[in-house]
N, C-alpha and C. Protein backbone atom coordinates (compact mmCIF):
# COMPACT_ATOMS: atom_id res chain seq x y z
N UNK A 1 35.36 206.07 -226.11
CA UNK A 1 34.65 207.31 -225.87
C UNK A 1 35.42 208.12 -224.83
N UNK A 2 35.66 209.39 -225.07
CA UNK A 2 36.40 210.23 -224.15
C UNK A 2 35.52 210.60 -222.96
N UNK A 3 36.13 210.62 -221.77
CA UNK A 3 35.37 211.00 -220.59
C UNK A 3 35.29 212.52 -220.51
N UNK A 4 34.22 213.00 -219.94
CA UNK A 4 34.03 214.45 -219.82
C UNK A 4 34.81 214.96 -218.63
N UNK A 5 35.41 216.12 -218.79
CA UNK A 5 36.18 216.75 -217.73
C UNK A 5 35.22 217.46 -216.78
N UNK A 6 35.36 217.17 -215.49
CA UNK A 6 34.57 217.87 -214.48
C UNK A 6 35.50 218.90 -213.83
N UNK A 7 35.14 220.18 -213.88
CA UNK A 7 36.01 221.20 -213.30
C UNK A 7 36.20 220.99 -211.80
N UNK A 8 37.29 221.54 -211.28
CA UNK A 8 37.60 221.41 -209.85
C UNK A 8 36.53 222.07 -208.99
N UNK A 9 35.90 223.10 -209.50
CA UNK A 9 34.84 223.78 -208.75
C UNK A 9 33.73 224.15 -209.71
N UNK A 10 32.50 224.01 -209.24
CA UNK A 10 31.33 224.34 -210.04
C UNK A 10 30.55 225.40 -209.29
N UNK A 11 30.35 226.56 -209.88
CA UNK A 11 29.55 227.61 -209.25
C UNK A 11 28.20 227.67 -209.92
N UNK A 12 27.16 227.48 -209.13
CA UNK A 12 25.80 227.45 -209.65
C UNK A 12 24.91 228.17 -208.65
N UNK A 13 23.96 228.95 -209.15
CA UNK A 13 23.00 229.61 -208.26
C UNK A 13 22.20 228.57 -207.49
N UNK A 14 21.57 228.99 -206.41
CA UNK A 14 20.88 228.03 -205.55
C UNK A 14 19.64 227.41 -206.18
N UNK A 15 18.95 228.09 -207.09
CA UNK A 15 17.72 227.53 -207.66
C UNK A 15 17.97 226.22 -208.40
N UNK A 16 18.95 226.12 -209.29
CA UNK A 16 19.18 224.83 -209.94
C UNK A 16 19.70 223.77 -208.97
N UNK A 17 20.48 224.19 -207.97
CA UNK A 17 20.95 223.23 -206.96
C UNK A 17 19.76 222.66 -206.20
N UNK A 18 18.85 223.53 -205.77
CA UNK A 18 17.68 223.07 -205.04
C UNK A 18 16.77 222.25 -205.94
N UNK A 19 16.64 222.64 -207.21
CA UNK A 19 15.83 221.86 -208.16
C UNK A 19 16.34 220.44 -208.25
N UNK A 20 17.65 220.30 -208.45
CA UNK A 20 18.24 218.97 -208.59
C UNK A 20 18.17 218.21 -207.28
N UNK A 21 18.47 218.86 -206.16
CA UNK A 21 18.43 218.18 -204.86
C UNK A 21 17.01 217.68 -204.55
N UNK A 22 16.01 218.52 -204.78
CA UNK A 22 14.63 218.12 -204.53
C UNK A 22 14.24 216.95 -205.43
N UNK A 23 14.71 216.95 -206.69
CA UNK A 23 14.43 215.83 -207.59
C UNK A 23 15.08 214.54 -207.08
N UNK A 24 16.30 214.65 -206.59
CA UNK A 24 16.99 213.48 -206.03
C UNK A 24 16.23 212.95 -204.81
N UNK A 25 15.82 213.84 -203.92
CA UNK A 25 15.07 213.44 -202.72
C UNK A 25 13.74 212.80 -203.12
N UNK A 26 13.04 213.41 -204.07
CA UNK A 26 11.76 212.83 -204.52
C UNK A 26 11.98 211.43 -205.09
N UNK A 27 13.06 211.25 -205.81
CA UNK A 27 13.38 209.92 -206.33
C UNK A 27 13.60 208.93 -205.20
N UNK A 28 14.28 209.35 -204.14
CA UNK A 28 14.50 208.48 -202.99
C UNK A 28 13.19 208.15 -202.27
N UNK A 29 12.20 209.03 -202.42
CA UNK A 29 10.90 208.80 -201.78
C UNK A 29 9.97 207.93 -202.61
N UNK A 30 10.43 207.53 -203.80
CA UNK A 30 9.65 206.60 -204.61
C UNK A 30 9.05 207.16 -205.88
N UNK A 31 9.26 208.42 -206.18
CA UNK A 31 8.74 208.99 -207.41
C UNK A 31 9.68 208.67 -208.56
N UNK A 32 9.12 208.47 -209.77
CA UNK A 32 10.00 208.19 -210.91
C UNK A 32 10.70 209.49 -211.33
N UNK A 33 11.69 209.37 -212.21
CA UNK A 33 12.53 210.52 -212.56
C UNK A 33 11.73 211.70 -213.09
N UNK A 34 10.81 211.46 -214.01
CA UNK A 34 10.04 212.56 -214.58
C UNK A 34 9.17 213.23 -213.53
N UNK A 35 8.55 212.44 -212.67
CA UNK A 35 7.76 213.02 -211.58
C UNK A 35 8.66 213.85 -210.67
N UNK A 36 9.81 213.30 -210.32
CA UNK A 36 10.74 213.96 -209.42
C UNK A 36 11.27 215.27 -210.00
N UNK A 37 11.62 215.27 -211.29
CA UNK A 37 12.12 216.50 -211.93
C UNK A 37 11.10 217.63 -211.83
N UNK A 38 9.84 217.32 -212.13
CA UNK A 38 8.83 218.39 -212.10
C UNK A 38 8.61 218.89 -210.68
N UNK A 39 8.66 217.99 -209.71
CA UNK A 39 8.50 218.40 -208.31
C UNK A 39 9.69 219.23 -207.86
N UNK A 40 10.88 218.86 -208.31
CA UNK A 40 12.06 219.64 -207.96
C UNK A 40 11.96 221.07 -208.44
N UNK A 41 11.45 221.24 -209.64
CA UNK A 41 11.29 222.58 -210.21
C UNK A 41 10.33 223.42 -209.38
N UNK A 42 9.23 222.81 -208.94
CA UNK A 42 8.25 223.54 -208.14
C UNK A 42 8.80 223.86 -206.76
N UNK A 43 9.53 222.93 -206.14
CA UNK A 43 10.11 223.20 -204.83
C UNK A 43 11.01 224.44 -204.91
N UNK A 44 11.83 224.52 -205.93
CA UNK A 44 12.71 225.69 -206.08
C UNK A 44 11.89 226.96 -206.23
N UNK A 45 10.78 226.89 -206.98
CA UNK A 45 9.92 228.05 -207.14
C UNK A 45 9.22 228.43 -205.84
N UNK A 46 8.74 227.43 -205.12
CA UNK A 46 8.07 227.70 -203.85
C UNK A 46 9.04 228.24 -202.81
N UNK A 47 10.28 227.84 -202.92
CA UNK A 47 11.29 228.30 -201.96
C UNK A 47 11.57 229.79 -202.12
N UNK A 48 11.26 230.35 -203.28
CA UNK A 48 11.53 231.76 -203.54
C UNK A 48 10.65 232.67 -202.67
N UNK A 49 9.55 232.19 -202.22
CA UNK A 49 8.69 232.99 -201.35
C UNK A 49 7.96 232.05 -200.39
N UNK A 50 7.66 232.54 -199.24
CA UNK A 50 6.99 231.71 -198.24
C UNK A 50 5.49 231.69 -198.52
N UNK A 51 4.96 230.48 -198.49
CA UNK A 51 3.52 230.35 -198.69
C UNK A 51 2.86 230.10 -197.35
N UNK A 52 1.56 230.37 -197.29
CA UNK A 52 0.80 230.12 -196.07
C UNK A 52 0.62 228.63 -195.86
N UNK A 53 0.01 228.33 -194.77
CA UNK A 53 -0.23 226.93 -194.43
C UNK A 53 -1.07 226.26 -195.50
N UNK A 54 -0.60 225.12 -195.98
CA UNK A 54 -1.32 224.38 -197.02
C UNK A 54 -2.16 223.28 -196.38
N UNK A 55 -3.30 223.00 -196.98
CA UNK A 55 -4.17 221.95 -196.49
C UNK A 55 -4.01 220.69 -197.31
N UNK A 56 -4.26 219.57 -196.71
CA UNK A 56 -4.28 218.31 -197.43
C UNK A 56 -2.91 217.81 -197.86
N UNK A 57 -1.89 218.00 -197.03
CA UNK A 57 -0.56 217.51 -197.39
C UNK A 57 -0.51 215.99 -197.38
N UNK A 58 0.20 215.45 -198.35
CA UNK A 58 0.46 214.01 -198.43
C UNK A 58 1.95 213.85 -198.22
N UNK A 59 2.35 213.22 -197.11
CA UNK A 59 3.76 213.01 -196.82
C UNK A 59 4.16 211.64 -197.34
N UNK A 60 4.96 211.61 -198.41
CA UNK A 60 5.20 210.35 -199.09
C UNK A 60 6.20 209.42 -198.42
N UNK A 61 5.89 208.16 -198.53
CA UNK A 61 6.82 207.06 -198.27
C UNK A 61 6.69 206.20 -199.52
N UNK A 62 7.72 205.45 -199.91
CA UNK A 62 7.65 204.72 -201.17
C UNK A 62 6.37 203.90 -201.37
N UNK A 63 5.91 203.20 -200.33
CA UNK A 63 4.68 202.41 -200.52
C UNK A 63 3.46 203.30 -200.64
N UNK A 64 3.46 204.43 -199.93
CA UNK A 64 2.33 205.35 -200.02
C UNK A 64 2.28 206.02 -201.39
N UNK A 65 3.44 206.33 -201.95
CA UNK A 65 3.48 206.93 -203.28
C UNK A 65 2.80 206.01 -204.28
N UNK A 66 3.17 204.74 -204.26
CA UNK A 66 2.59 203.78 -205.21
C UNK A 66 1.08 203.63 -204.98
N UNK A 67 0.67 203.55 -203.73
CA UNK A 67 -0.74 203.40 -203.39
C UNK A 67 -1.54 204.61 -203.88
N UNK A 68 -1.04 205.83 -203.62
CA UNK A 68 -1.74 207.04 -204.03
C UNK A 68 -1.77 207.18 -205.55
N UNK A 69 -0.68 206.83 -206.22
CA UNK A 69 -0.63 206.92 -207.68
C UNK A 69 -1.72 206.06 -208.29
N UNK A 70 -1.91 204.85 -207.76
CA UNK A 70 -2.93 203.94 -208.29
C UNK A 70 -4.34 204.42 -207.98
N UNK A 71 -4.51 205.08 -206.84
CA UNK A 71 -5.82 205.50 -206.39
C UNK A 71 -6.35 206.72 -207.14
N UNK A 72 -5.47 207.60 -207.52
CA UNK A 72 -5.89 208.86 -208.13
C UNK A 72 -6.29 208.69 -209.59
N UNK A 73 -7.25 209.47 -210.00
CA UNK A 73 -7.71 209.45 -211.38
C UNK A 73 -7.06 210.59 -212.15
N UNK A 74 -7.06 210.46 -213.47
CA UNK A 74 -6.50 211.49 -214.35
C UNK A 74 -7.12 212.84 -214.02
N UNK A 75 -6.30 213.86 -213.87
CA UNK A 75 -6.77 215.22 -213.63
C UNK A 75 -6.96 215.57 -212.17
N UNK A 76 -6.93 214.58 -211.28
CA UNK A 76 -7.10 214.85 -209.85
C UNK A 76 -5.84 215.55 -209.34
N UNK A 77 -6.04 216.53 -208.48
CA UNK A 77 -4.90 217.24 -207.91
C UNK A 77 -4.75 216.92 -206.44
N UNK A 78 -3.50 216.97 -205.97
CA UNK A 78 -3.19 216.78 -204.56
C UNK A 78 -1.91 217.56 -204.26
N UNK A 79 -1.47 217.53 -203.02
CA UNK A 79 -0.22 218.16 -202.62
C UNK A 79 0.72 217.09 -202.07
N UNK A 80 1.98 217.21 -202.43
CA UNK A 80 3.03 216.34 -201.90
C UNK A 80 3.96 217.21 -201.07
N UNK A 81 4.24 216.77 -199.85
CA UNK A 81 5.16 217.49 -198.98
C UNK A 81 6.58 217.05 -199.34
N UNK A 82 7.32 217.94 -199.99
CA UNK A 82 8.68 217.63 -200.42
C UNK A 82 9.59 218.75 -199.94
N UNK A 83 10.56 218.42 -199.12
CA UNK A 83 11.49 219.40 -198.56
C UNK A 83 10.74 220.53 -197.87
N UNK A 84 9.73 220.15 -197.14
CA UNK A 84 8.92 221.08 -196.34
C UNK A 84 8.15 222.09 -197.19
N UNK A 85 7.83 221.71 -198.41
CA UNK A 85 7.03 222.54 -199.30
C UNK A 85 5.86 221.71 -199.80
N UNK A 86 4.70 222.34 -199.91
CA UNK A 86 3.51 221.67 -200.43
C UNK A 86 3.54 221.80 -201.95
N UNK A 87 3.90 220.72 -202.64
CA UNK A 87 4.03 220.74 -204.10
C UNK A 87 2.72 220.27 -204.71
N UNK A 88 2.04 221.14 -205.48
CA UNK A 88 0.81 220.71 -206.14
C UNK A 88 1.14 219.78 -207.30
N UNK A 89 0.46 218.65 -207.36
CA UNK A 89 0.67 217.68 -208.43
C UNK A 89 -0.68 217.25 -208.98
N UNK A 90 -0.63 216.72 -210.19
CA UNK A 90 -1.83 216.17 -210.82
C UNK A 90 -1.46 214.88 -211.52
N UNK A 91 -2.45 214.06 -211.76
CA UNK A 91 -2.26 212.81 -212.48
C UNK A 91 -2.44 213.10 -213.97
N UNK A 92 -1.45 212.70 -214.77
CA UNK A 92 -1.53 212.82 -216.23
C UNK A 92 -1.40 211.42 -216.80
N UNK A 93 -1.64 211.24 -218.08
CA UNK A 93 -1.45 209.91 -218.68
C UNK A 93 -0.01 209.40 -218.54
N UNK A 94 0.96 210.33 -218.39
CA UNK A 94 2.36 209.94 -218.24
C UNK A 94 2.77 209.70 -216.80
N UNK A 95 1.90 209.99 -215.84
CA UNK A 95 2.22 209.85 -214.42
C UNK A 95 1.97 211.16 -213.69
N UNK A 96 2.41 211.24 -212.44
CA UNK A 96 2.24 212.47 -211.68
C UNK A 96 3.14 213.55 -212.26
N UNK A 97 2.62 214.77 -212.29
CA UNK A 97 3.40 215.92 -212.72
C UNK A 97 3.10 217.06 -211.77
N UNK A 98 4.14 217.76 -211.35
CA UNK A 98 3.96 218.95 -210.53
C UNK A 98 3.33 220.04 -211.40
N UNK A 99 2.63 220.95 -210.73
CA UNK A 99 1.94 222.02 -211.43
C UNK A 99 2.63 223.35 -211.20
N UNK A 100 2.66 224.16 -212.24
CA UNK A 100 3.11 225.54 -212.16
C UNK A 100 2.04 226.39 -212.82
N UNK A 101 1.49 227.30 -212.06
CA UNK A 101 0.38 228.14 -212.54
C UNK A 101 -0.76 227.28 -213.07
N UNK A 102 -1.01 226.16 -212.39
CA UNK A 102 -2.13 225.29 -212.72
C UNK A 102 -1.90 224.33 -213.87
N UNK A 103 -0.71 224.35 -214.47
CA UNK A 103 -0.43 223.49 -215.62
C UNK A 103 0.69 222.50 -215.29
N UNK A 104 0.57 221.26 -215.78
CA UNK A 104 1.64 220.28 -215.54
C UNK A 104 2.96 220.71 -216.17
N UNK A 105 4.03 220.48 -215.46
CA UNK A 105 5.37 220.83 -215.95
C UNK A 105 5.91 219.67 -216.78
N UNK A 106 6.52 219.99 -217.90
CA UNK A 106 7.15 218.97 -218.75
C UNK A 106 8.51 218.63 -218.16
N UNK A 107 8.76 217.36 -217.84
CA UNK A 107 10.07 217.01 -217.27
C UNK A 107 11.23 217.34 -218.20
N UNK A 108 10.99 217.32 -219.50
CA UNK A 108 12.04 217.65 -220.46
C UNK A 108 12.52 219.10 -220.28
N UNK A 109 11.60 220.00 -219.91
CA UNK A 109 11.99 221.40 -219.72
C UNK A 109 12.88 221.53 -218.48
N UNK A 110 12.61 220.74 -217.47
CA UNK A 110 13.44 220.77 -216.25
C UNK A 110 14.82 220.20 -216.57
N UNK A 111 14.84 219.13 -217.35
CA UNK A 111 16.11 218.52 -217.75
C UNK A 111 16.96 219.53 -218.53
N UNK A 112 16.34 220.26 -219.47
CA UNK A 112 17.06 221.28 -220.25
C UNK A 112 17.59 222.39 -219.33
N UNK A 113 16.75 222.82 -218.39
CA UNK A 113 17.13 223.86 -217.43
C UNK A 113 18.37 223.43 -216.64
N UNK A 114 18.33 222.21 -216.08
CA UNK A 114 19.46 221.73 -215.30
C UNK A 114 20.71 221.59 -216.16
N UNK A 115 20.55 221.09 -217.38
CA UNK A 115 21.70 220.95 -218.28
C UNK A 115 22.31 222.31 -218.59
N UNK A 116 21.47 223.32 -218.78
CA UNK A 116 21.99 224.65 -219.09
C UNK A 116 22.74 225.27 -217.91
N UNK A 117 22.37 224.90 -216.70
CA UNK A 117 23.01 225.48 -215.51
C UNK A 117 24.26 224.71 -215.09
N UNK A 118 24.21 223.38 -215.15
CA UNK A 118 25.32 222.56 -214.69
C UNK A 118 26.28 222.16 -215.82
N UNK A 119 25.82 222.24 -217.06
CA UNK A 119 26.66 221.87 -218.18
C UNK A 119 27.11 220.42 -218.10
N UNK A 120 28.36 220.18 -218.49
CA UNK A 120 28.91 218.82 -218.50
C UNK A 120 29.00 218.20 -217.11
N UNK A 121 28.92 219.02 -216.08
CA UNK A 121 29.05 218.51 -214.71
C UNK A 121 27.73 217.95 -214.16
N UNK A 122 26.63 218.07 -214.90
CA UNK A 122 25.33 217.64 -214.37
C UNK A 122 25.35 216.19 -213.88
N UNK A 123 25.84 215.28 -214.69
CA UNK A 123 25.84 213.87 -214.29
C UNK A 123 26.64 213.63 -213.03
N UNK A 124 27.81 214.24 -212.93
CA UNK A 124 28.66 214.06 -211.75
C UNK A 124 28.03 214.68 -210.51
N UNK A 125 27.44 215.85 -210.67
CA UNK A 125 26.78 216.51 -209.53
C UNK A 125 25.59 215.68 -209.07
N UNK A 126 24.82 215.18 -210.02
CA UNK A 126 23.66 214.37 -209.66
C UNK A 126 24.11 213.10 -208.93
N UNK A 127 25.18 212.48 -209.39
CA UNK A 127 25.70 211.29 -208.70
C UNK A 127 26.13 211.63 -207.29
N UNK A 128 26.76 212.78 -207.10
CA UNK A 128 27.18 213.19 -205.75
C UNK A 128 25.97 213.39 -204.85
N UNK A 129 24.91 213.98 -205.40
CA UNK A 129 23.69 214.20 -204.62
C UNK A 129 23.01 212.86 -204.30
N UNK A 130 23.01 211.95 -205.27
CA UNK A 130 22.44 210.61 -205.03
C UNK A 130 23.20 209.91 -203.91
N UNK A 131 24.52 210.04 -203.94
CA UNK A 131 25.36 209.42 -202.91
C UNK A 131 25.03 210.03 -201.54
N UNK A 132 24.90 211.34 -201.47
CA UNK A 132 24.55 212.00 -200.22
C UNK A 132 23.18 211.55 -199.74
N UNK A 133 22.20 211.53 -200.64
CA UNK A 133 20.85 211.12 -200.26
C UNK A 133 20.84 209.66 -199.82
N UNK A 134 21.63 208.80 -200.46
CA UNK A 134 21.70 207.40 -200.10
C UNK A 134 22.36 207.17 -198.76
N UNK A 135 23.20 208.11 -198.34
CA UNK A 135 23.89 207.97 -197.07
C UNK A 135 22.97 208.26 -195.88
N UNK A 136 21.87 208.91 -196.14
CA UNK A 136 20.91 209.23 -195.08
C UNK A 136 20.05 208.01 -194.80
N UNK A 137 19.76 207.74 -193.57
CA UNK A 137 19.06 206.51 -193.18
C UNK A 137 17.55 206.57 -193.35
N UNK A 138 16.96 207.75 -193.37
CA UNK A 138 15.50 207.83 -193.50
C UNK A 138 15.14 209.00 -194.39
N UNK A 139 13.91 209.01 -194.87
CA UNK A 139 13.48 210.12 -195.72
C UNK A 139 13.52 211.43 -194.95
N UNK A 140 13.25 211.39 -193.65
CA UNK A 140 13.34 212.59 -192.83
C UNK A 140 14.75 213.13 -192.78
N UNK A 141 15.73 212.23 -192.70
CA UNK A 141 17.12 212.67 -192.69
C UNK A 141 17.50 213.27 -194.03
N UNK A 142 17.01 212.70 -195.11
CA UNK A 142 17.29 213.25 -196.44
C UNK A 142 16.70 214.65 -196.53
N UNK A 143 15.45 214.81 -196.10
CA UNK A 143 14.82 216.11 -196.16
C UNK A 143 15.56 217.13 -195.31
N UNK A 144 16.11 216.69 -194.18
CA UNK A 144 16.83 217.59 -193.29
C UNK A 144 18.08 218.15 -193.92
N UNK A 145 18.60 217.51 -194.94
CA UNK A 145 19.81 217.98 -195.61
C UNK A 145 19.49 219.03 -196.68
N UNK A 146 18.25 219.40 -196.83
CA UNK A 146 17.86 220.23 -197.96
C UNK A 146 18.03 221.73 -197.74
N UNK A 147 18.34 222.15 -196.54
CA UNK A 147 18.44 223.57 -196.29
C UNK A 147 19.54 224.20 -197.14
N UNK A 148 19.19 225.25 -197.86
CA UNK A 148 20.16 225.96 -198.70
C UNK A 148 20.25 227.40 -198.22
N UNK A 149 21.44 227.84 -197.91
CA UNK A 149 21.64 229.24 -197.52
C UNK A 149 22.67 229.83 -198.46
N UNK A 150 22.55 231.11 -198.73
CA UNK A 150 23.52 231.77 -199.60
C UNK A 150 23.08 231.78 -201.04
N UNK A 151 23.67 232.66 -201.81
CA UNK A 151 23.27 232.84 -203.20
C UNK A 151 23.88 231.81 -204.13
N UNK A 152 25.09 231.33 -203.83
CA UNK A 152 25.77 230.44 -204.75
C UNK A 152 26.28 229.23 -203.99
N UNK A 153 26.44 228.14 -204.70
CA UNK A 153 26.98 226.90 -204.14
C UNK A 153 28.20 226.52 -204.95
N UNK A 154 29.20 225.99 -204.28
CA UNK A 154 30.39 225.49 -204.97
C UNK A 154 30.62 224.05 -204.54
N UNK A 155 30.84 223.16 -205.49
CA UNK A 155 31.14 221.76 -205.22
C UNK A 155 32.56 221.50 -205.66
N UNK A 156 33.34 220.90 -204.78
CA UNK A 156 34.71 220.58 -205.16
C UNK A 156 34.71 219.31 -206.01
N UNK A 157 35.81 219.07 -206.70
CA UNK A 157 35.93 217.89 -207.54
C UNK A 157 35.79 216.63 -206.70
N UNK A 158 36.30 216.65 -205.46
CA UNK A 158 36.18 215.47 -204.59
C UNK A 158 34.73 215.17 -204.24
N UNK A 159 33.91 216.20 -204.03
CA UNK A 159 32.49 215.99 -203.72
C UNK A 159 31.74 215.46 -204.93
N UNK A 160 32.18 215.82 -206.12
CA UNK A 160 31.48 215.43 -207.34
C UNK A 160 31.84 214.00 -207.72
N UNK A 161 33.05 213.57 -207.46
CA UNK A 161 33.49 212.24 -207.89
C UNK A 161 33.01 211.17 -206.98
């Protein structure tokens, strides 16, 4: 099987970068991939405008995520604090899903969105983000790396590999 070529530089707007980064961080906090993808999408959306103070934040740690997932019933809503944003989530038969306009987000739609923005480089970029997130010693340190400034991000081939 031929390996995919990763360009020396990848230019992507900040929304897909933040979507993917938030999904990686959520995964490090104990959420499964589909849960993390939907939360990443909402974090990027919430980042577009500042929201007022949210009530009832749940700050996840891996054991707390599992405990809360088991405790909640289908259809119950709560907020997850991810990258300093209150992400509304609900319990579905498939697991937790972030909400957009009151409706659960399909993780497949987030996957398609990321694929359309990153193209063949998605896997390599995600691995680089996983490596960065893994290098941080605590969930707070991972969250601290989430600040995004500027309209575009560029990753060099060395950062991706």
